Protein backbone atom coordinates (compact mmCIF):
# COMPACT_ATOMS: atom_id res chain seq x y z
CA UNK A 1 -16.74 -45.58 -7.75
CA UNK A 2 -14.71 -43.86 -10.45
CA UNK A 3 -14.09 -40.88 -8.12
CA UNK A 4 -12.74 -43.09 -5.32
CA UNK A 5 -9.04 -42.81 -6.36
CA UNK A 6 -9.35 -39.01 -6.56
CA UNK A 7 -10.97 -38.84 -3.13
CA UNK A 8 -8.32 -41.15 -1.66
CA UNK A 9 -5.58 -38.98 -3.17
CA UNK A 10 -7.15 -35.80 -1.75
CA UNK A 11 -7.41 -37.34 1.71
CA UNK A 12 -3.78 -38.52 1.58
CA UNK A 13 -2.57 -35.07 0.51
CA UNK A 14 -4.56 -33.43 3.31
CA UNK A 15 -3.10 -35.81 5.87
CA UNK A 16 0.45 -35.08 4.67
CA UNK A 17 -0.17 -31.34 4.78
CA UNK A 18 -1.51 -31.50 8.33
CA UNK A 19 1.35 -33.69 9.55
CA UNK A 20 3.84 -31.30 7.95
CA UNK A 21 2.60 -28.51 10.20
CA UNK A 22 3.78 -30.30 13.32
CA UNK A 23 7.36 -29.78 14.38
CA UNK A 24 9.23 -32.45 16.23
CA UNK A 25 12.13 -30.24 17.34
CA UNK A 26 10.19 -27.91 19.60
CA UNK A 27 12.00 -27.81 22.93
CA UNK A 28 9.82 -28.23 25.96
CA UNK A 29 9.36 -24.96 27.79
CA UNK A 30 10.62 -25.13 31.36
CA UNK A 31 8.09 -24.63 34.11
CA UNK A 32 7.96 -21.11 35.55
CA UNK A 33 10.07 -20.65 38.67
CA UNK A 34 8.40 -18.48 41.27
CA UNK A 35 10.43 -16.16 43.45
CA UNK A 36 14.03 -15.20 42.99
CA UNK A 37 16.81 -17.47 41.77
CA UNK A 38 18.04 -19.87 44.45
CA UNK A 39 19.07 -22.87 42.32
CA UNK A 40 22.08 -21.50 40.47
CA UNK A 41 22.85 -24.80 38.74
CA UNK A 42 19.37 -24.92 37.17
CA UNK A 43 19.58 -21.22 36.29
CA UNK A 44 22.98 -21.60 34.62
CA UNK A 45 21.63 -24.59 32.68
CA UNK A 46 18.71 -22.48 31.50
CA UNK A 47 20.98 -19.62 30.40
CA UNK A 48 23.15 -22.16 28.52
CA UNK A 49 20.14 -22.83 26.24
CA UNK A 50 20.41 -19.19 25.04
CA UNK A 51 16.80 -18.20 25.75
CA UNK A 52 15.12 -15.16 24.29
CA UNK A 53 14.13 -12.37 26.68
CA UNK A 54 10.49 -13.51 26.41
CA UNK A 55 11.47 -17.08 27.34
CA UNK A 56 13.47 -15.72 30.30
CA UNK A 57 10.49 -13.69 31.53
CA UNK A 58 8.16 -16.68 31.13
CA UNK A 59 10.49 -18.98 33.07
CA UNK A 60 11.62 -16.50 35.76
CA UNK A 61 8.68 -14.06 36.03
CA UNK A 62 9.78 -12.68 39.42
CA UNK A 63 13.32 -11.80 38.27
CA UNK A 64 13.77 -8.37 36.70
CA UNK A 65 15.55 -8.78 33.36
CA UNK A 66 17.80 -5.88 32.44
CA UNK A 67 18.74 -5.76 28.76
CA UNK A 68 21.56 -3.72 27.22
CA UNK A 69 20.58 -0.07 26.95
CA UNK A 70 17.89 -0.22 29.64
CA UNK A 71 18.03 2.37 32.40
CA UNK A 72 17.77 1.00 35.95
CA UNK A 73 18.38 2.16 39.47
CA UNK A 74 21.78 1.60 41.05
CA UNK A 75 20.68 -0.16 44.23
CA UNK A 76 22.57 -3.31 45.08
CA UNK A 77 20.39 -6.41 45.30
CA UNK A 78 21.79 -9.43 47.08
CA UNK A 79 18.85 -11.78 46.47
CA UNK A 80 19.26 -12.67 42.76
CA UNK A 81 16.20 -10.67 41.81
CA UNK A 82 17.69 -8.61 38.96
CA UNK A 83 19.66 -10.15 36.09
CA UNK A 84 21.66 -8.01 33.65
CA UNK A 85 21.81 -10.03 30.44
CA UNK A 86 24.30 -10.10 27.60
CA UNK A 87 22.75 -10.72 24.18
CA UNK A 88 24.09 -12.21 20.96
CA UNK A 89 23.39 -10.85 17.47
CA UNK A 90 20.05 -12.70 17.34
CA UNK A 91 18.90 -11.14 20.62
CA UNK A 92 19.28 -14.32 22.67
CA UNK A 93 20.71 -14.29 26.19
CA UNK A 94 24.25 -15.69 26.28
CA UNK A 95 25.21 -14.72 29.81
CA UNK A 96 25.10 -11.93 32.32
CA UNK A 97 25.21 -11.29 36.03
CA UNK A 98 23.00 -10.61 39.01
CA UNK A 99 23.16 -7.08 40.38
């Protein structure tokens, strides 16, 4: 019985440590969109969140993401299948255009 307060304290500390590992501010990842971009309003809303290139590829896996400095062909695509992104200093997408 004399060890009961120590055990209770250890359990409480463990519970606090485990709950501290959870983050409440994690934004829900959007569902992947198959095919090319057809809903421009949803796409513009997604870009407004300043996603990383990895988040872009996970959300729009069928759209070719062209980052600054990448070499690509010069063909003109009219189906919103290739997006040339502009990045901020942290490497997040802040805008761009379809080409």
